[in-house]
Amino acid sequence: MAKAIKNFITAFFISFFTKWLEDFLILSALVIVVVNTYLITVISPNILAGNYVLAAFLFIIGIVLARR
């Protein structure tokens, strides 16, 4: 049983870092943008700008990895 769990976890991480990482980065960037746009009146401008910069960074890294 432990060997099966180990094989599953290993296969999941190999698959995640080779196939899903780009999609995860792009999706998380889009989620950050949507949440920031929804909370634009609640969050202070400094945090809002930092979150948009983080989303742009994640989106760019996701695109670069997808092009590779």
N, C-alpha and C. Protein backbone atom coordinates (compact mmCIF):
# COMPACT_ATOMS: atom_id res chain seq x y z
N MET A 1 0.82 -1.20 0.00
CA MET A 1 0.00 0.00 0.00
C MET A 1 0.87 1.26 0.00
N ALA A 2 1.91 1.24 0.82
CA ALA A 2 2.80 2.41 0.88
C ALA A 2 3.51 2.61 -0.46
N LYS A 3 3.85 1.53 -1.13
CA LYS A 3 4.51 1.64 -2.43
C LYS A 3 3.56 2.24 -3.47
N ALA A 4 2.29 1.85 -3.41
CA ALA A 4 1.30 2.40 -4.34
C ALA A 4 1.10 3.89 -4.10
N ILE A 5 1.04 4.29 -2.83
CA ILE A 5 0.89 5.71 -2.51
C ILE A 5 2.12 6.49 -2.96
N LYS A 6 3.30 5.92 -2.73
CA LYS A 6 4.54 6.57 -3.16
C LYS A 6 4.58 6.72 -4.68
N ASN A 7 4.18 5.68 -5.40
CA ASN A 7 4.16 5.75 -6.86
C ASN A 7 3.16 6.79 -7.36
N PHE A 8 2.00 6.87 -6.69
CA PHE A 8 1.00 7.86 -7.08
C PHE A 8 1.51 9.28 -6.86
N ILE A 9 2.09 9.53 -5.70
CA ILE A 9 2.60 10.87 -5.39
C ILE A 9 3.72 11.24 -6.34
N THR A 10 4.61 10.31 -6.61
CA THR A 10 5.71 10.57 -7.54
C THR A 10 5.18 10.86 -8.94
N ALA A 11 4.23 10.06 -9.41
CA ALA A 11 3.66 10.29 -10.74
C ALA A 11 2.92 11.61 -10.81
N PHE A 12 2.22 11.97 -9.73
CA PHE A 12 1.50 13.24 -9.71
C PHE A 12 2.46 14.42 -9.82
N PHE A 13 3.53 14.42 -9.03
CA PHE A 13 4.45 15.54 -9.07
C PHE A 13 5.21 15.61 -10.39
N ILE A 14 5.56 14.48 -10.96
CA ILE A 14 6.22 14.50 -12.27
C ILE A 14 5.27 15.05 -13.33
N SER A 15 4.02 14.62 -13.28
CA SER A 15 3.04 15.13 -14.24
C SER A 15 2.75 16.61 -14.02
N PHE A 16 2.68 17.03 -12.74
CA PHE A 16 2.39 18.44 -12.44
C PHE A 16 3.50 19.34 -12.96
N PHE A 17 4.74 18.98 -12.69
CA PHE A 17 5.84 19.87 -13.07
C PHE A 17 6.19 19.78 -14.55
N THR A 18 5.69 18.79 -15.27
CA THR A 18 5.99 18.72 -16.69
C THR A 18 4.82 19.16 -17.56
N LYS A 19 3.59 18.98 -17.09
CA LYS A 19 2.43 19.27 -17.95
C LYS A 19 1.52 20.36 -17.41
N TRP A 20 1.36 20.45 -16.10
CA TRP A 20 0.34 21.33 -15.55
C TRP A 20 0.87 22.62 -14.97
N LEU A 21 2.15 22.78 -14.84
CA LEU A 21 2.70 23.95 -14.16
C LEU A 21 2.34 25.24 -14.90
N GLU A 22 2.45 25.22 -16.22
CA GLU A 22 2.13 26.42 -17.00
C GLU A 22 0.67 26.80 -16.82
N ASP A 23 -0.21 25.81 -16.92
CA ASP A 23 -1.64 26.08 -16.76
C ASP A 23 -1.95 26.59 -15.36
N PHE A 24 -1.29 26.02 -14.36
CA PHE A 24 -1.52 26.44 -12.98
C PHE A 24 -1.08 27.89 -12.77
N LEU A 25 0.07 28.27 -13.32
CA LEU A 25 0.56 29.64 -13.16
C LEU A 25 -0.36 30.64 -13.86
N ILE A 26 -0.79 30.32 -15.07
CA ILE A 26 -1.67 31.22 -15.81
C ILE A 26 -3.03 31.33 -15.12
N LEU A 27 -3.58 30.20 -14.67
CA LEU A 27 -4.86 30.23 -13.98
C LEU A 27 -4.79 30.99 -12.67
N SER A 28 -3.72 30.80 -11.91
CA SER A 28 -3.60 31.53 -10.64
C SER A 28 -3.44 33.02 -10.89
N ALA A 29 -2.76 33.42 -11.96
CA ALA A 29 -2.65 34.84 -12.30
C ALA A 29 -4.02 35.42 -12.64
N LEU A 30 -4.79 34.70 -13.40
CA LEU A 30 -6.13 35.18 -13.75
C LEU A 30 -7.04 35.27 -12.52
N VAL A 31 -6.91 34.32 -11.62
CA VAL A 31 -7.71 34.35 -10.38
C VAL A 31 -7.32 35.56 -9.54
N ILE A 32 -6.03 35.85 -9.44
CA ILE A 32 -5.58 37.01 -8.67
C ILE A 32 -6.14 38.30 -9.27
N VAL A 33 -6.14 38.41 -10.58
CA VAL A 33 -6.67 39.61 -11.24
C VAL A 33 -8.17 39.74 -10.98
N VAL A 34 -8.91 38.66 -11.09
CA VAL A 34 -10.35 38.71 -10.87
C VAL A 34 -10.67 39.07 -9.42
N VAL A 35 -9.97 38.47 -8.47
CA VAL A 35 -10.22 38.76 -7.06
C VAL A 35 -9.85 40.21 -6.74
N ASN A 36 -8.74 40.70 -7.28
CA ASN A 36 -8.36 42.09 -7.04
C ASN A 36 -9.37 43.06 -7.63
N THR A 37 -9.88 42.75 -8.81
CA THR A 37 -10.87 43.61 -9.43
C THR A 37 -12.16 43.63 -8.61
N TYR A 38 -12.50 42.49 -8.04
CA TYR A 38 -13.70 42.43 -7.20
C TYR A 38 -13.52 43.21 -5.90
N LEU A 39 -12.32 43.17 -5.32
CA LEU A 39 -12.05 43.82 -4.04
C LEU A 39 -11.34 45.17 -4.20
N ILE A 40 -11.53 45.85 -5.32
CA ILE A 40 -10.76 47.06 -5.61
C ILE A 40 -11.06 48.19 -4.63
N THR A 41 -12.24 48.21 -4.05
CA THR A 41 -12.57 49.30 -3.11
C THR A 41 -12.19 48.96 -1.67
N VAL A 42 -11.84 47.72 -1.39
CA VAL A 42 -11.56 47.29 -0.03
C VAL A 42 -10.07 47.28 0.27
N ILE A 43 -9.26 46.87 -0.70
CA ILE A 43 -7.82 46.71 -0.50
C ILE A 43 -7.13 48.06 -0.71
N SER A 44 -6.07 48.31 0.07
CA SER A 44 -5.32 49.55 -0.10
C SER A 44 -4.59 49.53 -1.44
N PRO A 45 -4.32 50.70 -2.00
CA PRO A 45 -3.70 50.76 -3.33
C PRO A 45 -2.33 50.08 -3.42
N ASN A 46 -1.54 50.12 -2.35
CA ASN A 46 -0.23 49.48 -2.40
C ASN A 46 -0.35 47.96 -2.54
N ILE A 47 -1.23 47.37 -1.76
CA ILE A 47 -1.43 45.93 -1.84
C ILE A 47 -2.04 45.55 -3.18
N LEU A 48 -2.96 46.37 -3.66
CA LEU A 48 -3.60 46.12 -4.95
C LEU A 48 -2.57 46.14 -6.08
N ALA A 49 -1.69 47.12 -6.07
CA ALA A 49 -0.65 47.20 -7.11
C ALA A 49 0.29 46.00 -7.01
N GLY A 50 0.65 45.62 -5.80
CA GLY A 50 1.53 44.46 -5.63
C GLY A 50 0.89 43.18 -6.12
N ASN A 51 -0.40 43.03 -5.88
CA ASN A 51 -1.10 41.83 -6.35
C ASN A 51 -1.18 41.80 -7.88
N TYR A 52 -1.41 42.96 -8.50
CA TYR A 52 -1.42 43.00 -9.96
C TYR A 52 -0.04 42.70 -10.54
N VAL A 53 1.01 43.18 -9.89
CA VAL A 53 2.37 42.87 -10.35
C VAL A 53 2.65 41.38 -10.21
N LEU A 54 2.22 40.79 -9.09
CA LEU A 54 2.38 39.35 -8.90
C LEU A 54 1.64 38.57 -9.97
N ALA A 55 0.42 38.99 -10.29
CA ALA A 55 -0.36 38.31 -11.33
C ALA A 55 0.33 38.43 -12.69
N ALA A 56 0.87 39.60 -12.99
CA ALA A 56 1.58 39.76 -14.26
C ALA A 56 2.82 38.88 -14.31
N PHE A 57 3.54 38.81 -13.20
CA PHE A 57 4.74 37.97 -13.14
C PHE A 57 4.38 36.50 -13.34
N LEU A 58 3.35 36.02 -12.65
CA LEU A 58 2.93 34.63 -12.80
C LEU A 58 2.46 34.34 -14.22
N PHE A 59 1.74 35.29 -14.81
CA PHE A 59 1.25 35.11 -16.17
C PHE A 59 2.41 35.04 -17.17
N ILE A 60 3.38 35.91 -17.01
CA ILE A 60 4.53 35.91 -17.92
C ILE A 60 5.34 34.63 -17.78
N ILE A 61 5.59 34.20 -16.54
CA ILE A 61 6.32 32.96 -16.33
C ILE A 61 5.56 31.77 -16.92
N GLY A 62 4.23 31.75 -16.76
CA GLY A 62 3.42 30.68 -17.34
C GLY A 62 3.49 30.67 -18.85
N ILE A 63 3.45 31.84 -19.47
CA ILE A 63 3.54 31.91 -20.94
C ILE A 63 4.92 31.47 -21.42
N VAL A 64 5.96 31.90 -20.72
CA VAL A 64 7.32 31.51 -21.12
C VAL A 64 7.50 30.00 -21.00
N LEU A 65 7.00 29.41 -19.93
CA LEU A 65 7.12 27.97 -19.77
C LEU A 65 6.26 27.22 -20.79
N ALA A 66 5.12 27.79 -21.17
CA ALA A 66 4.27 27.13 -22.17
C ALA A 66 4.91 27.19 -23.55
N ARG A 67 5.64 28.25 -23.84
CA ARG A 67 6.30 28.37 -25.14
C ARG A 67 7.49 27.43 -25.28
N ARG A 68 8.02 27.01 -24.15
CA ARG A 68 9.22 26.17 -24.14
C ARG A 68 8.94 24.81 -24.68
